[in-house]
Amino acid sequence: MNLITYNFEDSKFYGNYFPLLNNALDKIIALINEYSEKAVKAGKRDPIEHIKSRIKSSSSTKAKLLKRCIEPSAVNAITAIHDAAGLRVVCTFVDDVYDLAKSFRSSTDIKVIMEKDYIKNPKPNGYRSYHVIIGINEGGIVIPVEIQLRSVAMDCWAALEHQIKYKRDIKHEELIESELKKCAEYLAIMDTNLQVIRDILE
C-alpha cells in the first residue's frame, strides 16, 4: 500500500476534514486487510494484490467543483462530490472483485452509498472497473470514500492508458482510442480465460 502524500495547500483547503478523510481511508483499508486475512486463514489464496490510497489534491478538487458550478469549499468536497478520499484495490481475478464488493454490502461497519459496474458495462474507451462509494461515520459526519476495484489486467490497462494520454495533444486520437479499446477487450478475454484455468486447477 502506498503512503498518502499531500502538501500544505491540501491540508489548508480541507481543514478539519483532512484528518477525517485519513481516518476513513484507514478504516476501510483495515476492513479490506481483515477480509484478506480471513481468506488466508481459511486456507484460501489471498484475493487482494495491492491497495493504493489517496486524498484528492486541493487543486483537482477545486477544478472538479468549479466545473460543476459548485463553490470550491471543503464542505462541498465532502457533500457534493464523493471522491475526495479514494482507494484503488487490485484483486487477482474478476470474481474476487465481485466477492469483495459483496462483502462491503454485508458489512455492518460501513454504508454503501452507490455502486457502478464498469466491468459488465465498460466505458466507451474500454475502461473496466467496479466503483463503490462507501460512507464512513467520523464524529457524526459521513465521509464518502470512492473505491475502485479492478483485476490485475484491468489495472494494467488503466495505468498504461493514463501514461499514454496524460496531458498530451494526441494526433490520430480516433485511431489511438480504437486501439486502446481493442487492448481492453483482449485483456477482458484474458481475464476470463485465466479465471477458467484457475477454476480447473482448484
C-alpha atoms as a PDB file:
ATOM      1  CA  MET A   1       0.000   0.000   0.000  1.00  0.00           C
ATOM      2  CA  ASN A   2       1.284   3.454  -0.829  1.00  0.00           C
ATOM      3  CA  LEU A   3       1.611   6.236   1.688  1.00  0.00           C
ATOM      4  CA  ILE A   4      -0.690   9.232   1.360  1.00  0.00           C
ATOM      5  CA  THR A   5       1.244  12.261   0.218  1.00  0.00           C
ATOM      6  CA  TYR A   6      -0.053  15.782   0.482  1.00  0.00           C
ATOM      7  CA  ASN A   7       1.150  19.346   0.729  1.00  0.00           C
ATOM      8  CA  PHE A   8       0.310  22.288   2.918  1.00  0.00           C
ATOM      9  CA  GLU A   9      -2.261  23.621   0.451  1.00  0.00           C
ATOM     10  CA  ASP A  10      -4.217  20.360   0.592  1.00  0.00           C
ATOM     11  CA  SER A  11      -4.212  20.348   4.388  1.00  0.00           C
ATOM     12  CA  LYS A  12      -5.224  24.015   4.459  1.00  0.00           C
ATOM     13  CA  PHE A  13      -8.068  23.515   1.966  1.00  0.00           C
ATOM     14  CA  TYR A  14      -9.635  20.506   3.710  1.00  0.00           C
ATOM     15  CA  GLY A  15      -9.036  21.934   7.187  1.00  0.00           C
ATOM     16  CA  ASN A  16     -10.720  19.908   9.922  1.00  0.00           C
ATOM     17  CA  TYR A  17     -11.958  17.423   7.322  1.00  0.00           C
ATOM     18  CA  PHE A  18      -8.426  16.331   6.455  1.00  0.00           C
ATOM     19  CA  PRO A  19      -7.896  14.010   9.469  1.00  0.00           C
ATOM     20  CA  LEU A  20     -11.435  12.674   8.964  1.00  0.00           C
ATOM     21  CA  LEU A  21     -10.561  11.730   5.364  1.00  0.00           C
ATOM     22  CA  ASN A  22      -7.411   9.997   6.593  1.00  0.00           C
ATOM     23  CA  ASN A  23      -9.334   8.133   9.304  1.00  0.00           C
ATOM     24  CA  ALA A  24     -11.981   6.988   6.812  1.00  0.00           C
ATOM     25  CA  LEU A  25      -9.300   5.604   4.499  1.00  0.00           C
ATOM     26  CA  ASP A  26      -7.561   3.837   7.395  1.00  0.00           C
ATOM     27  CA  LYS A  27     -10.809   2.169   8.491  1.00  0.00           C
ATOM     28  CA  ILE A  28     -11.630   0.831   5.035  1.00  0.00           C
ATOM     29  CA  ILE A  29      -8.061  -0.378   4.495  1.00  0.00           C
ATOM     30  CA  ALA A  30      -8.257  -2.207   7.842  1.00  0.00           C
ATOM     31  CA  LEU A  31     -11.559  -3.763   6.770  1.00  0.00           C
ATOM     32  CA  ILE A  32     -10.070  -4.964   3.471  1.00  0.00           C
ATOM     33  CA  ASN A  33      -6.968  -6.330   5.213  1.00  0.00           C
ATOM     34  CA  GLU A  34      -9.209  -8.231   7.625  1.00  0.00           C
ATOM     35  CA  TYR A  35     -11.140  -9.663   4.655  1.00  0.00           C
ATOM     36  CA  SER A  36      -7.849 -10.744   3.071  1.00  0.00           C
ATOM     37  CA  GLU A  37      -6.506 -12.302   6.283  1.00  0.00           C
ATOM     38  CA  LYS A  38      -9.713 -14.322   6.791  1.00  0.00           C
ATOM     39  CA  ALA A  39      -9.320 -15.838   3.334  1.00  0.00           C
ATOM     40  CA  VAL A  40      -5.709 -16.842   4.027  1.00  0.00           C
ATOM     41  CA  LYS A  41      -6.539 -18.273   7.478  1.00  0.00           C
ATOM     42  CA  ALA A  42      -9.282 -20.357   5.845  1.00  0.00           C
ATOM     43  CA  GLY A  43      -6.642 -21.934   3.620  1.00  0.00           C
ATOM     44  CA  LYS A  44      -7.641 -19.967   0.554  1.00  0.00           C
ATOM     45  CA  ARG A  45      -5.448 -17.763  -1.614  1.00  0.00           C
ATOM     46  CA  ASP A  46      -5.182 -14.045  -0.880  1.00  0.00           C
ATOM     47  CA  PRO A  47      -7.668 -12.303  -3.234  1.00  0.00           C
ATOM     48  CA  ILE A  48      -6.000  -8.891  -2.859  1.00  0.00           C
ATOM     49  CA  GLU A  49      -2.912  -7.987  -4.893  1.00  0.00           C
ATOM     50  CA  HIS A  50      -2.425  -4.466  -3.567  1.00  0.00           C
ATOM     51  CA  ILE A  51      -4.155  -1.318  -2.326  1.00  0.00           C
ATOM     52  CA  LYS A  52      -3.404   2.300  -3.184  1.00  0.00           C
ATOM     53  CA  SER A  53      -4.913   5.236  -1.352  1.00  0.00           C
ATOM     54  CA  ARG A  54      -5.012   8.968  -1.875  1.00  0.00           C
ATOM     55  CA  ILE A  55      -6.666  12.168  -0.804  1.00  0.00           C
ATOM     56  CA  LYS A  56      -7.567  14.189  -3.882  1.00  0.00           C
ATOM     57  CA  SER A  57      -5.360  17.243  -4.270  1.00  0.00           C
ATOM     58  CA  SER A  58      -6.975  20.558  -3.444  1.00  0.00           C
ATOM     59  CA  SER A  59      -6.306  21.822  -6.984  1.00  0.00           C
ATOM     60  CA  SER A  60      -8.088  18.825  -8.575  1.00  0.00           C
ATOM     61  CA  THR A  61     -10.979  19.076  -6.124  1.00  0.00           C
ATOM     62  CA  LYS A  62     -11.449  22.795  -6.747  1.00  0.00           C
ATOM     63  CA  ALA A  63     -11.359  22.261 -10.512  1.00  0.00           C
ATOM     64  CA  LYS A  64     -13.968  19.499 -10.308  1.00  0.00           C
ATOM     65  CA  LEU A  65     -16.293  21.596  -8.148  1.00  0.00           C
ATOM     66  CA  LEU A  66     -15.934  24.658 -10.391  1.00  0.00           C
ATOM     67  CA  LYS A  67     -16.641  22.522 -13.455  1.00  0.00           C
ATOM     68  CA  ARG A  68     -19.957  21.610 -11.817  1.00  0.00           C
ATOM     69  CA  CYS A  69     -20.605  25.264 -10.898  1.00  0.00           C
ATOM     70  CA  ILE A  70     -20.228  24.489  -7.188  1.00  0.00           C
ATOM     71  CA  GLU A  71     -18.354  26.690  -4.747  1.00  0.00           C
ATOM     72  CA  PRO A  72     -14.901  25.155  -4.127  1.00  0.00           C
ATOM     73  CA  SER A  73     -15.040  24.572  -0.373  1.00  0.00           C
ATOM     74  CA  ALA A  74     -14.076  21.713   1.919  1.00  0.00           C
ATOM     75  CA  VAL A  75     -17.719  21.115   2.867  1.00  0.00           C
ATOM     76  CA  ASN A  76     -18.715  20.778  -0.789  1.00  0.00           C
ATOM     77  CA  ALA A  77     -15.744  18.488  -1.400  1.00  0.00           C
ATOM     78  CA  ILE A  78     -17.302  16.108   1.133  1.00  0.00           C
ATOM     79  CA  THR A  79     -21.010  16.561   0.372  1.00  0.00           C
ATOM     80  CA  ALA A  80     -21.222  17.422  -3.333  1.00  0.00           C
ATOM     81  CA  ILE A  81     -18.623  15.038  -4.737  1.00  0.00           C
ATOM     82  CA  HIS A  82     -17.643  11.632  -3.403  1.00  0.00           C
ATOM     83  CA  ASP A  83     -14.005  11.150  -4.342  1.00  0.00           C
ATOM     84  CA  ALA A  84     -12.059  13.456  -2.012  1.00  0.00           C
ATOM     85  CA  ALA A  85     -10.815  10.230  -0.428  1.00  0.00           C
ATOM     86  CA  GLY A  86     -10.128   7.319  -2.728  1.00  0.00           C
ATOM     87  CA  LEU A  87      -8.855   3.754  -2.782  1.00  0.00           C
ATOM     88  CA  ARG A  88      -7.820   1.536  -5.650  1.00  0.00           C
ATOM     89  CA  VAL A  89      -7.983  -2.141  -4.757  1.00  0.00           C
ATOM     90  CA  VAL A  90      -6.416  -4.544  -7.233  1.00  0.00           C
ATOM     91  CA  CYS A  91      -7.698  -8.102  -6.986  1.00  0.00           C
ATOM     92  CA  THR A  92      -6.273 -11.187  -8.641  1.00  0.00           C
ATOM     93  CA  PHE A  93      -9.362 -12.262 -10.578  1.00  0.00           C
ATOM     94  CA  VAL A  94     -12.662 -10.727 -11.660  1.00  0.00           C
ATOM     95  CA  ASP A  95     -14.751 -12.812  -9.270  1.00  0.00           C
ATOM     96  CA  ASP A  96     -12.539 -11.540  -6.430  1.00  0.00           C
ATOM     97  CA  VAL A  97     -13.737  -8.052  -7.316  1.00  0.00           C
ATOM     98  CA  TYR A  98     -17.379  -9.054  -7.038  1.00  0.00           C
ATOM     99  CA  ASP A  99     -16.798 -11.029  -3.828  1.00  0.00           C
ATOM    100  CA  LEU A 100     -15.134  -8.029  -2.187  1.00  0.00           C
ATOM    101  CA  ALA A 101     -17.949  -5.723  -3.327  1.00  0.00           C
ATOM    102  CA  LYS A 102     -20.440  -8.190  -1.818  1.00  0.00           C
ATOM    103  CA  SER A 103     -18.561  -8.129   1.490  1.00  0.00           C
ATOM    104  CA  PHE A 104     -18.927  -4.339   1.591  1.00  0.00           C
ATOM    105  CA  ARG A 105     -22.692  -4.649   1.214  1.00  0.00           C
ATOM    106  CA  SER A 106     -22.915  -7.179   4.044  1.00  0.00           C
ATOM    107  CA  SER A 107     -20.687  -5.229   6.455  1.00  0.00           C
ATOM    108  CA  THR A 108     -22.337  -3.511   9.424  1.00  0.00           C
ATOM    109  CA  ASP A 109     -19.380  -1.128   9.880  1.00  0.00           C
ATOM    110  CA  ILE A 110     -19.883   0.805   6.642  1.00  0.00           C
ATOM    111  CA  LYS A 111     -22.663   2.002   4.382  1.00  0.00           C
ATOM    112  CA  VAL A 112     -22.625   1.516   0.625  1.00  0.00           C
ATOM    113  CA  ILE A 113     -23.881   4.749  -0.940  1.00  0.00           C
ATOM    114  CA  MET A 114     -23.519   3.910  -4.616  1.00  0.00           C
ATOM    115  CA  GLU A 115     -22.182   1.204  -6.940  1.00  0.00           C
ATOM    116  CA  LYS A 116     -21.274   1.380 -10.630  1.00  0.00           C
ATOM    117  CA  ASP A 117     -20.298  -1.717 -12.567  1.00  0.00           C
ATOM    118  CA  TYR A 118     -17.952  -0.745 -15.393  1.00  0.00           C
ATOM    119  CA  ILE A 119     -16.925  -4.388 -15.804  1.00  0.00           C
ATOM    120  CA  LYS A 120     -20.247  -5.595 -17.174  1.00  0.00           C
ATOM    121  CA  ASN A 121     -20.844  -2.143 -18.676  1.00  0.00           C
ATOM    122  CA  PRO A 122     -17.434  -0.789 -19.772  1.00  0.00           C
ATOM    123  CA  LYS A 123     -16.973   2.870 -20.605  1.00  0.00           C
ATOM    124  CA  PRO A 124     -16.806   3.705 -24.350  1.00  0.00           C
ATOM    125  CA  ASN A 125     -12.988   3.833 -24.259  1.00  0.00           C
ATOM    126  CA  GLY A 126     -12.792   0.292 -22.842  1.00  0.00           C
ATOM    127  CA  TYR A 127     -12.258   1.225 -19.190  1.00  0.00           C
ATOM    128  CA  ARG A 128     -13.352  -1.570 -16.864  1.00  0.00           C
ATOM    129  CA  SER A 129     -13.603  -1.374 -13.101  1.00  0.00           C
ATOM    130  CA  TYR A 130     -16.128  -1.707 -10.285  1.00  0.00           C
ATOM    131  CA  HIS A 131     -16.747   1.526  -8.389  1.00  0.00           C
ATOM    132  CA  VAL A 132     -18.169   1.619  -4.890  1.00  0.00           C
ATOM    133  CA  ILE A 133     -18.793   4.730  -2.807  1.00  0.00           C
ATOM    134  CA  ILE A 134     -18.770   3.956   0.892  1.00  0.00           C
ATOM    135  CA  GLY A 135     -19.815   6.202   3.757  1.00  0.00           C
ATOM    136  CA  ILE A 136     -17.780   6.136   6.970  1.00  0.00           C
ATOM    137  CA  ASN A 137     -19.140   7.828  10.094  1.00  0.00           C
ATOM    138  CA  GLU A 138     -16.471  10.075  11.585  1.00  0.00           C
ATOM    139  CA  GLY A 139     -17.672  12.050  14.597  1.00  0.00           C
ATOM    140  CA  GLY A 140     -21.220  12.256  13.311  1.00  0.00           C
ATOM    141  CA  ILE A 141     -20.110  13.241   9.806  1.00  0.00           C
ATOM    142  CA  VAL A 142     -20.442  10.766   6.947  1.00  0.00           C
ATOM    143  CA  ILE A 143     -17.196  10.797   4.971  1.00  0.00           C
ATOM    144  CA  PRO A 144     -17.581   9.307   1.477  1.00  0.00           C
ATOM    145  CA  VAL A 145     -14.754   7.225   0.035  1.00  0.00           C
ATOM    146  CA  GLU A 146     -14.645   6.140  -3.593  1.00  0.00           C
ATOM    147  CA  ILE A 147     -13.228   2.649  -4.090  1.00  0.00           C
ATOM    148  CA  GLN A 148     -12.174   1.354  -7.496  1.00  0.00           C
ATOM    149  CA  LEU A 149     -12.000  -2.439  -7.620  1.00  0.00           C
ATOM    150  CA  ARG A 150     -10.045  -3.946 -10.511  1.00  0.00           C
ATOM    151  CA  SER A 151      -8.396  -7.141 -11.626  1.00  0.00           C
ATOM    152  CA  VAL A 152      -4.664  -7.082 -12.338  1.00  0.00           C
ATOM    153  CA  ALA A 153      -5.377  -6.913 -16.083  1.00  0.00           C
ATOM    154  CA  MET A 154      -7.824  -4.009 -15.691  1.00  0.00           C
ATOM    155  CA  ASP A 155      -5.336  -2.100 -13.565  1.00  0.00           C
ATOM    156  CA  CYS A 156      -2.567  -2.678 -16.094  1.00  0.00           C
ATOM    157  CA  TRP A 157      -4.716  -1.262 -18.907  1.00  0.00           C
ATOM    158  CA  ALA A 158      -5.829   1.770 -16.875  1.00  0.00           C
ATOM    159  CA  ALA A 159      -2.261   2.606 -15.855  1.00  0.00           C
ATOM    160  CA  LEU A 160      -0.932   2.343 -19.408  1.00  0.00           C
ATOM    161  CA  GLU A 161      -3.890   4.294 -20.851  1.00  0.00           C
ATOM    162  CA  HIS A 162      -3.196   7.087 -18.355  1.00  0.00           C
ATOM    163  CA  GLN A 163       0.519   7.154 -19.228  1.00  0.00           C
ATOM    164  CA  ILE A 164      -0.173   7.232 -22.968  1.00  0.00           C
ATOM    165  CA  LYS A 165      -2.760  10.013 -22.838  1.00  0.00           C
ATOM    166  CA  TYR A 166      -1.703  12.062 -19.810  1.00  0.00           C
ATOM    167  CA  LYS A 167      -1.683  15.790 -20.630  1.00  0.00           C
ATOM    168  CA  ARG A 168      -0.914  15.295 -24.303  1.00  0.00           C
ATOM    169  CA  ASP A 169      -2.217  16.776 -27.508  1.00  0.00           C
ATOM    170  CA  ILE A 170      -2.808  13.483 -29.265  1.00  0.00           C
ATOM    171  CA  LYS A 171      -2.602  13.197 -33.030  1.00  0.00           C
ATOM    172  CA  HIS A 172      -4.719  10.483 -34.647  1.00  0.00           C
ATOM    173  CA  GLU A 173      -6.839  10.402 -31.495  1.00  0.00           C
ATOM    174  CA  GLU A 174      -9.597   8.237 -33.012  1.00  0.00           C
ATOM    175  CA  LEU A 175      -7.064   5.594 -34.033  1.00  0.00           C
ATOM    176  CA  ILE A 176      -5.461   5.622 -30.573  1.00  0.00           C
ATOM    177  CA  GLU A 177      -8.874   5.316 -28.903  1.00  0.00           C
ATOM    178  CA  SER A 178      -9.767   2.405 -31.174  1.00  0.00           C
ATOM    179  CA  GLU A 179      -6.525   0.553 -30.421  1.00  0.00           C
ATOM    180  CA  LEU A 180      -6.844   1.137 -26.671  1.00  0.00           C
ATOM    181  CA  LYS A 181     -10.376  -0.238 -26.748  1.00  0.00           C
ATOM    182  CA  LYS A 182      -9.132  -3.343 -28.593  1.00  0.00           C
ATOM    183  CA  CYS A 183      -6.477  -3.829 -25.906  1.00  0.00           C
ATOM    184  CA  ALA A 184      -9.156  -3.577 -23.210  1.00  0.00           C
ATOM    185  CA  GLU A 185     -11.231  -6.220 -24.996  1.00  0.00           C
ATOM    186  CA  TYR A 186      -8.232  -8.554 -25.329  1.00  0.00           C
ATOM    187  CA  LEU A 187      -7.478  -8.174 -21.619  1.00  0.00           C
ATOM    188  CA  ALA A 188     -11.119  -8.880 -20.759  1.00  0.00           C
ATOM    189  CA  ILE A 189     -10.852 -12.164 -22.658  1.00  0.00           C
ATOM    190  CA  MET A 190      -7.589 -12.909 -20.859  1.00  0.00           C
ATOM    191  CA  ASP A 191      -9.260 -12.235 -17.504  1.00  0.00           C
ATOM    192  CA  THR A 192     -11.978 -14.757 -18.335  1.00  0.00           C
ATOM    193  CA  ASN A 193      -9.528 -17.384 -19.601  1.00  0.00           C
ATOM    194  CA  LEU A 194      -7.259 -17.062 -16.563  1.00  0.00           C
ATOM    195  CA  GLN A 195     -10.238 -17.471 -14.268  1.00  0.00           C
ATOM    196  CA  VAL A 196     -11.265 -20.640 -16.133  1.00  0.00           C
ATOM    197  CA  ILE A 197      -7.727 -22.037 -15.785  1.00  0.00           C
ATOM    198  CA  ARG A 198      -7.745 -21.207 -12.051  1.00  0.00           C
ATOM    199  CA  ASP A 199     -11.103 -22.951 -11.600  1.00  0.00           C
ATOM    200  CA  ILE A 200      -9.795 -26.070 -13.342  1.00  0.00           C
ATOM    201  CA  LEU A 201      -6.684 -26.143 -11.160  1.00  0.00           C
ATOM    202  CA  GLU A 202      -8.666 -25.617  -7.976  1.00  0.00           C
END
